[in-house]
PDB file of N, CA and C in Angstrom:
ATOM      1  N   MET A   1      14.543  -7.123  -1.779  1.00  0.00           N
ATOM      2  CA  MET A   1      13.101  -7.252  -1.565  1.00  0.00           C
ATOM      3  C   MET A   1      12.371  -6.391  -2.600  1.00  0.00           C
ATOM      4  N   THR A   2      11.334  -6.933  -3.186  1.00  0.00           N
ATOM      5  CA  THR A   2      10.585  -6.188  -4.196  1.00  0.00           C
ATOM      6  C   THR A   2       9.687  -5.143  -3.552  1.00  0.00           C
ATOM      7  N   THR A   3       9.294  -4.169  -4.338  1.00  0.00           N
ATOM      8  CA  THR A   3       8.367  -3.143  -3.858  1.00  0.00           C
ATOM      9  C   THR A   3       7.078  -3.794  -3.377  1.00  0.00           C
ATOM     10  N   PHE A   4       6.564  -4.749  -4.172  1.00  0.00           N
ATOM     11  CA  PHE A   4       5.330  -5.429  -3.766  1.00  0.00           C
ATOM     12  C   PHE A   4       5.475  -6.079  -2.396  1.00  0.00           C
ATOM     13  N   LYS A   5       6.585  -6.769  -2.173  1.00  0.00           N
ATOM     14  CA  LYS A   5       6.783  -7.471  -0.900  1.00  0.00           C
ATOM     15  C   LYS A   5       6.851  -6.482   0.266  1.00  0.00           C
ATOM     16  N   GLN A   6       7.520  -5.363   0.065  1.00  0.00           N
ATOM     17  CA  GLN A   6       7.601  -4.349   1.121  1.00  0.00           C
ATOM     18  C   GLN A   6       6.214  -3.770   1.424  1.00  0.00           C
ATOM     19  N   VAL A   7       5.473  -3.455   0.367  1.00  0.00           N
ATOM     20  CA  VAL A   7       4.119  -2.911   0.537  1.00  0.00           C
ATOM     21  C   VAL A   7       3.220  -3.972   1.178  1.00  0.00           C
ATOM     22  N   GLN A   8       3.329  -5.200   0.714  1.00  0.00           N
ATOM     23  CA  GLN A   8       2.534  -6.299   1.261  1.00  0.00           C
ATOM     24  C   GLN A   8       2.791  -6.446   2.763  1.00  0.00           C
ATOM     25  N   ASP A   9       4.055  -6.412   3.171  1.00  0.00           N
ATOM     26  CA  ASP A   9       4.399  -6.551   4.586  1.00  0.00           C
ATOM     27  C   ASP A   9       3.757  -5.448   5.428  1.00  0.00           C
ATOM     28  N   ILE A  10       3.762  -4.229   4.914  1.00  0.00           N
ATOM     29  CA  ILE A  10       3.166  -3.099   5.635  1.00  0.00           C
ATOM     30  C   ILE A  10       1.652  -3.309   5.772  1.00  0.00           C
ATOM     31  N   ILE A  11       1.009  -3.712   4.687  1.00  0.00           N
ATOM     32  CA  ILE A  11      -0.450  -3.918   4.711  1.00  0.00           C
ATOM     33  C   ILE A  11      -0.810  -5.064   5.654  1.00  0.00           C
ATOM     34  N   VAL A  12      -0.077  -6.163   5.567  1.00  0.00           N
ATOM     35  CA  VAL A  12      -0.323  -7.312   6.446  1.00  0.00           C
ATOM     36  C   VAL A  12      -0.208  -6.885   7.909  1.00  0.00           C
ATOM     37  N   ASP A  13       0.823  -6.110   8.212  1.00  0.00           N
ATOM     38  CA  ASP A  13       1.048  -5.651   9.577  1.00  0.00           C
ATOM     39  C   ASP A  13      -0.057  -4.696  10.041  1.00  0.00           C
ATOM     40  N   GLN A  14      -0.406  -3.730   9.212  1.00  0.00           N
ATOM     41  CA  GLN A  14      -1.396  -2.719   9.604  1.00  0.00           C
ATOM     42  C   GLN A  14      -2.803  -3.288   9.732  1.00  0.00           C
ATOM     43  N   LEU A  15      -3.159  -4.189   8.839  1.00  0.00           N
ATOM     44  CA  LEU A  15      -4.535  -4.690   8.813  1.00  0.00           C
ATOM     45  C   LEU A  15      -4.690  -6.052   9.480  1.00  0.00           C
ATOM     46  N   ASP A  16      -3.592  -6.578   9.995  1.00  0.00           N
ATOM     47  CA  ASP A  16      -3.611  -7.877  10.658  1.00  0.00           C
ATOM     48  C   ASP A  16      -4.211  -8.948   9.742  1.00  0.00           C
ATOM     49  N   LYS A  17      -3.667  -9.006   8.523  1.00  0.00           N
ATOM     50  CA  LYS A  17      -4.115  -9.986   7.524  1.00  0.00           C
ATOM     51  C   LYS A  17      -3.009 -10.998   7.274  1.00  0.00           C
ATOM     52  N   GLU A  18      -3.355 -12.066   6.578  1.00  0.00           N
ATOM     53  CA  GLU A  18      -2.376 -13.058   6.152  1.00  0.00           C
ATOM     54  C   GLU A  18      -1.787 -12.612   4.808  1.00  0.00           C
ATOM     55  N   GLU A  19      -0.547 -13.010   4.539  1.00  0.00           N
ATOM     56  CA  GLU A  19       0.094 -12.627   3.278  1.00  0.00           C
ATOM     57  C   GLU A  19      -0.726 -13.048   2.059  1.00  0.00           C
ATOM     58  N   ASN A  20      -1.326 -14.234   2.110  1.00  0.00           N
ATOM     59  CA  ASN A  20      -2.088 -14.712   0.956  1.00  0.00           C
ATOM     60  C   ASN A  20      -3.364 -13.904   0.708  1.00  0.00           C
ATOM     61  N   GLU A  21      -3.767 -13.083   1.673  1.00  0.00           N
ATOM     62  CA  GLU A  21      -4.937 -12.214   1.492  1.00  0.00           C
ATOM     63  C   GLU A  21      -4.579 -10.910   0.784  1.00  0.00           C
ATOM     64  N   VAL A  22      -3.286 -10.614   0.700  1.00  0.00           N
ATOM     65  CA  VAL A  22      -2.833  -9.352   0.120  1.00  0.00           C
ATOM     66  C   VAL A  22      -2.047  -9.647  -1.154  1.00  0.00           C
ATOM     67  N   GLN A  23      -2.732  -9.575  -2.281  1.00  0.00           N
ATOM     68  CA  GLN A  23      -2.125  -9.804  -3.592  1.00  0.00           C
ATOM     69  C   GLN A  23      -2.242  -8.518  -4.421  1.00  0.00           C
ATOM     70  N   LEU A  24      -1.610  -8.496  -5.583  1.00  0.00           N
ATOM     71  CA  LEU A  24      -1.622  -7.275  -6.401  1.00  0.00           C
ATOM     72  C   LEU A  24      -3.035  -6.815  -6.750  1.00  0.00           C
ATOM     73  N   ASN A  25      -3.925  -7.742  -7.048  1.00  0.00           N
ATOM     74  CA  ASN A  25      -5.269  -7.357  -7.483  1.00  0.00           C
ATOM     75  C   ASN A  25      -6.249  -7.173  -6.320  1.00  0.00           C
ATOM     76  N   THR A  26      -5.759  -7.241  -5.085  1.00  0.00           N
ATOM     77  CA  THR A  26      -6.623  -7.108  -3.914  1.00  0.00           C
ATOM     78  C   THR A  26      -7.078  -5.665  -3.750  1.00  0.00           C
ATOM     79  N   ASN A  27      -8.386  -5.485  -3.552  1.00  0.00           N
ATOM     80  CA  ASN A  27      -8.968  -4.159  -3.340  1.00  0.00           C
ATOM     81  C   ASN A  27      -8.962  -3.833  -1.844  1.00  0.00           C
ATOM     82  N   PHE A  28      -8.471  -2.646  -1.512  1.00  0.00           N
ATOM     83  CA  PHE A  28      -8.359  -2.267  -0.104  1.00  0.00           C
ATOM     84  C   PHE A  28      -9.703  -2.270   0.625  1.00  0.00           C
ATOM     85  N   ARG A  29     -10.683  -1.614   0.049  1.00  0.00           N
ATOM     86  CA  ARG A  29     -11.963  -1.457   0.746  1.00  0.00           C
ATOM     87  C   ARG A  29     -12.832  -2.710   0.652  1.00  0.00           C
ATOM     88  N   ASP A  30     -12.942  -3.256  -0.553  1.00  0.00           N
ATOM     89  CA  ASP A  30     -13.856  -4.385  -0.767  1.00  0.00           C
ATOM     90  C   ASP A  30     -13.341  -5.688  -0.162  1.00  0.00           C
ATOM     91  N   GLU A  31     -12.071  -5.983  -0.358  1.00  0.00           N
ATOM     92  CA  GLU A  31     -11.548  -7.283   0.063  1.00  0.00           C
ATOM     93  C   GLU A  31     -10.823  -7.246   1.406  1.00  0.00           C
ATOM     94  N   LEU A  32     -10.163  -6.131   1.696  1.00  0.00           N
ATOM     95  CA  LEU A  32      -9.424  -6.040   2.957  1.00  0.00           C
ATOM     96  C   LEU A  32     -10.205  -5.277   4.026  1.00  0.00           C
ATOM     97  N   GLU A  33     -11.343  -4.713   3.623  1.00  0.00           N
ATOM     98  CA  GLU A  33     -12.215  -3.962   4.540  1.00  0.00           C
ATOM     99  C   GLU A  33     -11.456  -2.843   5.253  1.00  0.00           C
ATOM    100  N   ALA A  34     -10.575  -2.180   4.508  1.00  0.00           N
ATOM    101  CA  ALA A  34      -9.796  -1.070   5.058  1.00  0.00           C
ATOM    102  C   ALA A  34     -10.622   0.210   4.994  1.00  0.00           C
ATOM    103  N   ASP A  35     -10.620   0.962   6.091  1.00  0.00           N
ATOM    104  CA  ASP A  35     -11.305   2.253   6.084  1.00  0.00           C
ATOM    105  C   ASP A  35     -10.283   3.366   5.854  1.00  0.00           C
ATOM    106  N   SER A  36     -10.732   4.602   5.898  1.00  0.00           N
ATOM    107  CA  SER A  36      -9.845   5.739   5.627  1.00  0.00           C
ATOM    108  C   SER A  36      -8.676   5.806   6.599  1.00  0.00           C
ATOM    109  N   LEU A  37      -8.929   5.503   7.863  1.00  0.00           N
ATOM    110  CA  LEU A  37      -7.857   5.530   8.856  1.00  0.00           C
ATOM    111  C   LEU A  37      -6.821   4.438   8.568  1.00  0.00           C
ATOM    112  N   ASP A  38      -7.294   3.257   8.186  1.00  0.00           N
ATOM    113  CA  ASP A  38      -6.376   2.175   7.814  1.00  0.00           C
ATOM    114  C   ASP A  38      -5.479   2.612   6.653  1.00  0.00           C
ATOM    115  N   LEU A  39      -6.099   3.194   5.627  1.00  0.00           N
ATOM    116  CA  LEU A  39      -5.328   3.635   4.464  1.00  0.00           C
ATOM    117  C   LEU A  39      -4.342   4.729   4.846  1.00  0.00           C
ATOM    118  N   PHE A  40      -4.755   5.636   5.713  1.00  0.00           N
ATOM    119  CA  PHE A  40      -3.872   6.707   6.194  1.00  0.00           C
ATOM    120  C   PHE A  40      -2.635   6.110   6.867  1.00  0.00           C
ATOM    121  N   GLN A  41      -2.847   5.120   7.714  1.00  0.00           N
ATOM    122  CA  GLN A  41      -1.728   4.497   8.421  1.00  0.00           C
ATOM    123  C   GLN A  41      -0.819   3.729   7.457  1.00  0.00           C
ATOM    124  N   ILE A  42      -1.410   3.034   6.504  1.00  0.00           N
ATOM    125  CA  ILE A  42      -0.624   2.310   5.498  1.00  0.00           C
ATOM    126  C   ILE A  42       0.217   3.293   4.690  1.00  0.00           C
ATOM    127  N   ILE A  43      -0.399   4.377   4.256  1.00  0.00           N
ATOM    128  CA  ILE A  43       0.308   5.389   3.465  1.00  0.00           C
ATOM    129  C   ILE A  43       1.438   6.013   4.279  1.00  0.00           C
ATOM    130  N   ASN A  44       1.200   6.310   5.548  1.00  0.00           N
ATOM    131  CA  ASN A  44       2.268   6.864   6.396  1.00  0.00           C
ATOM    132  C   ASN A  44       3.452   5.909   6.487  1.00  0.00           C
ATOM    133  N   ASP A  45       3.166   4.639   6.702  1.00  0.00           N
ATOM    134  CA  ASP A  45       4.237   3.643   6.793  1.00  0.00           C
ATOM    135  C   ASP A  45       5.004   3.528   5.476  1.00  0.00           C
ATOM    136  N   ILE A  46       4.291   3.581   4.366  1.00  0.00           N
ATOM    137  CA  ILE A  46       4.933   3.480   3.056  1.00  0.00           C
ATOM    138  C   ILE A  46       5.786   4.716   2.782  1.00  0.00           C
ATOM    139  N   GLU A  47       5.280   5.881   3.156  1.00  0.00           N
ATOM    140  CA  GLU A  47       6.072   7.105   2.984  1.00  0.00           C
ATOM    141  C   GLU A  47       7.382   7.015   3.763  1.00  0.00           C
ATOM    142  N   ASP A  48       7.311   6.509   4.982  1.00  0.00           N
ATOM    143  CA  ASP A  48       8.520   6.349   5.799  1.00  0.00           C
ATOM    144  C   ASP A  48       9.461   5.305   5.201  1.00  0.00           C
ATOM    145  N   GLU A  49       8.904   4.183   4.785  1.00  0.00           N
ATOM    146  CA  GLU A  49       9.706   3.071   4.257  1.00  0.00           C
ATOM    147  C   GLU A  49      10.459   3.461   2.983  1.00  0.00           C
ATOM    148  N   PHE A  50       9.779   4.192   2.092  1.00  0.00           N
ATOM    149  CA  PHE A  50      10.359   4.504   0.780  1.00  0.00           C
ATOM    150  C   PHE A  50      10.870   5.941   0.669  1.00  0.00           C
ATOM    151  N   ASP A  51      10.690   6.738   1.714  1.00  0.00           N
ATOM    152  CA  ASP A  51      11.098   8.146   1.712  1.00  0.00           C
ATOM    153  C   ASP A  51      10.477   8.898   0.532  1.00  0.00           C
ATOM    154  N   ILE A  52       9.151   8.752   0.430  1.00  0.00           N
ATOM    155  CA  ILE A  52       8.392   9.448  -0.617  1.00  0.00           C
ATOM    156  C   ILE A  52       7.214  10.148   0.035  1.00  0.00           C
ATOM    157  N   LYS A  53       6.488  10.944  -0.755  1.00  0.00           N
ATOM    158  CA  LYS A  53       5.281  11.613  -0.282  1.00  0.00           C
ATOM    159  C   LYS A  53       4.122  11.193  -1.170  1.00  0.00           C
ATOM    160  N   ILE A  54       3.068  10.678  -0.562  1.00  0.00           N
ATOM    161  CA  ILE A  54       1.853  10.320  -1.293  1.00  0.00           C
ATOM    162  C   ILE A  54       0.838  11.411  -0.996  1.00  0.00           C
ATOM    163  N   GLU A  55       0.493  12.186  -2.015  1.00  0.00           N
ATOM    164  CA  GLU A  55      -0.356  13.364  -1.829  1.00  0.00           C
ATOM    165  C   GLU A  55      -1.813  13.014  -1.525  1.00  0.00           C
ATOM    166  N   SER A  56      -2.294  11.941  -2.125  1.00  0.00           N
ATOM    167  CA  SER A  56      -3.712  11.603  -1.971  1.00  0.00           C
ATOM    168  C   SER A  56      -3.893  10.100  -2.141  1.00  0.00           C
ATOM    169  N   GLU A  57      -4.886   9.569  -1.457  1.00  0.00           N
ATOM    170  CA  GLU A  57      -5.184   8.144  -1.634  1.00  0.00           C
ATOM    171  C   GLU A  57      -6.132   7.914  -2.799  1.00  0.00           C
ATOM    172  N   GLU A  58      -6.554   8.998  -3.460  1.00  0.00           N
ATOM    173  CA  GLU A  58      -7.442   8.862  -4.614  1.00  0.00           C
ATOM    174  C   GLU A  58      -6.770   8.043  -5.704  1.00  0.00           C
ATOM    175  N   GLY A  59      -7.498   7.112  -6.260  1.00  0.00           N
ATOM    176  CA  GLY A  59      -6.962   6.275  -7.320  1.00  0.00           C
ATOM    177  C   GLY A  59      -6.170   5.080  -6.808  1.00  0.00           C
ATOM    178  N   LEU A  60      -5.992   4.990  -5.503  1.00  0.00           N
ATOM    179  CA  LEU A  60      -5.261   3.868  -4.919  1.00  0.00           C
ATOM    180  C   LEU A  60      -6.284   2.873  -4.366  1.00  0.00           C
ATOM    181  N   ASN A  61      -6.878   2.115  -5.274  1.00  0.00           N
ATOM    182  CA  ASN A  61      -7.940   1.188  -4.896  1.00  0.00           C
ATOM    183  C   ASN A  61      -7.445  -0.228  -4.637  1.00  0.00           C
ATOM    184  N   THR A  62      -6.407  -0.611  -5.368  1.00  0.00           N
ATOM    185  CA  THR A  62      -5.870  -1.965  -5.218  1.00  0.00           C
ATOM    186  C   THR A  62      -4.416  -1.892  -4.767  1.00  0.00           C
ATOM    187  N   VAL A  63      -3.913  -3.013  -4.341  1.00  0.00           N
ATOM    188  CA  VAL A  63      -2.503  -3.091  -3.938  1.00  0.00           C
ATOM    189  C   VAL A  63      -1.617  -2.736  -5.129  1.00  0.00           C
ATOM    190  N   LYS A  64      -1.987  -3.180  -6.326  1.00  0.00           N
ATOM    191  CA  LYS A  64      -1.212  -2.861  -7.533  1.00  0.00           C
ATOM    192  C   LYS A  64      -1.162  -1.357  -7.771  1.00  0.00           C
ATOM    193  N   ASP A  65      -2.281  -0.661  -7.573  1.00  0.00           N
ATOM    194  CA  ASP A  65      -2.292   0.799  -7.726  1.00  0.00           C
ATOM    195  C   ASP A  65      -1.232   1.431  -6.823  1.00  0.00           C
ATOM    196  N   LEU A  66      -1.174   0.958  -5.597  1.00  0.00           N
ATOM    197  CA  LEU A  66      -0.236   1.502  -4.623  1.00  0.00           C
ATOM    198  C   LEU A  66       1.204   1.149  -4.990  1.00  0.00           C
ATOM    199  N   VAL A  67       1.451  -0.085  -5.368  1.00  0.00           N
ATOM    200  CA  VAL A  67       2.797  -0.518  -5.758  1.00  0.00           C
ATOM    201  C   VAL A  67       3.280   0.288  -6.967  1.00  0.00           C
ATOM    202  N   ASP A  68       2.415   0.451  -7.965  1.00  0.00           N
ATOM    203  CA  ASP A  68       2.789   1.225  -9.162  1.00  0.00           C
ATOM    204  C   ASP A  68       3.108   2.671  -8.793  1.00  0.00           C
ATOM    205  N   TYR A  69       2.305   3.255  -7.918  1.00  0.00           N
ATOM    206  CA  TYR A  69       2.527   4.639  -7.485  1.00  0.00           C
ATOM    207  C   TYR A  69       3.877   4.762  -6.778  1.00  0.00           C
ATOM    208  N   VAL A  70       4.150   3.849  -5.864  1.00  0.00           N
ATOM    209  CA  VAL A  70       5.413   3.873  -5.115  1.00  0.00           C
ATOM    210  C   VAL A  70       6.594   3.743  -6.070  1.00  0.00           C
ATOM    211  N   GLU A  71       6.525   2.792  -6.999  1.00  0.00           N
ATOM    212  CA  GLU A  71       7.639   2.595  -7.929  1.00  0.00           C
ATOM    213  C   GLU A  71       7.878   3.828  -8.780  1.00  0.00           C
ATOM    214  N   LYS A  72       6.795   4.473  -9.200  1.00  0.00           N
ATOM    215  CA  LYS A  72       6.920   5.690 -10.002  1.00  0.00           C
ATOM    216  C   LYS A  72       7.584   6.808  -9.186  1.00  0.00           C
ATOM    217  N   GLN A  73       7.186   6.961  -7.936  1.00  0.00           N
ATOM    218  CA  GLN A  73       7.768   7.994  -7.075  1.00  0.00           C
ATOM    219  C   GLN A  73       9.243   7.720  -6.797  1.00  0.00           C
ATOM    220  N   VAL A  74       9.579   6.470  -6.526  1.00  0.00           N
ATOM    221  CA  VAL A  74      10.969   6.105  -6.234  1.00  0.00           C
ATOM    222  C   VAL A  74      11.855   6.347  -7.447  1.00  0.00           C
ATOM    223  N   GLU A  75      11.342   6.008  -8.636  1.00  0.00           N
ATOM    224  CA  GLU A  75      12.114   6.215  -9.878  1.00  0.00           C
ATOM    225  C   GLU A  75      12.377   7.675 -10.151  1.00  0.00           C
ATOM    226  N   SER A  76      11.441   8.550  -9.774  1.00  0.00           N
ATOM    227  CA  SER A  76      11.575   9.974 -10.095  1.00  0.00           C
ATOM    228  C   SER A  76      12.392  10.750  -9.060  1.00  0.00           C
ATOM    229  N   LYS A  77      12.874  10.052  -8.029  1.00  0.00           N
ATOM    230  CA  LYS A  77      13.673  10.719  -7.002  1.00  0.00           C
ATOM    231  C   LYS A  77      15.065  11.010  -7.478  1.00  0.00           C
TER     232      LYS A  77
END
């Protein structure tokens, strides 16, 4: 399973969205209407799934931002 697919599954589950609504260029706040609590829960799930630590949600505006961050953290482990 790709990193994108794993992240997509978490976002779909947390925000109760359809898979086609969550693409790489999708913006969390503008398109998915995610608030800070939603992002906190998504980040917690991703940290558990990938065994990484995400220090801040700053700069994580799109799904691609998050996928790139996760891949970078996993590679540096």
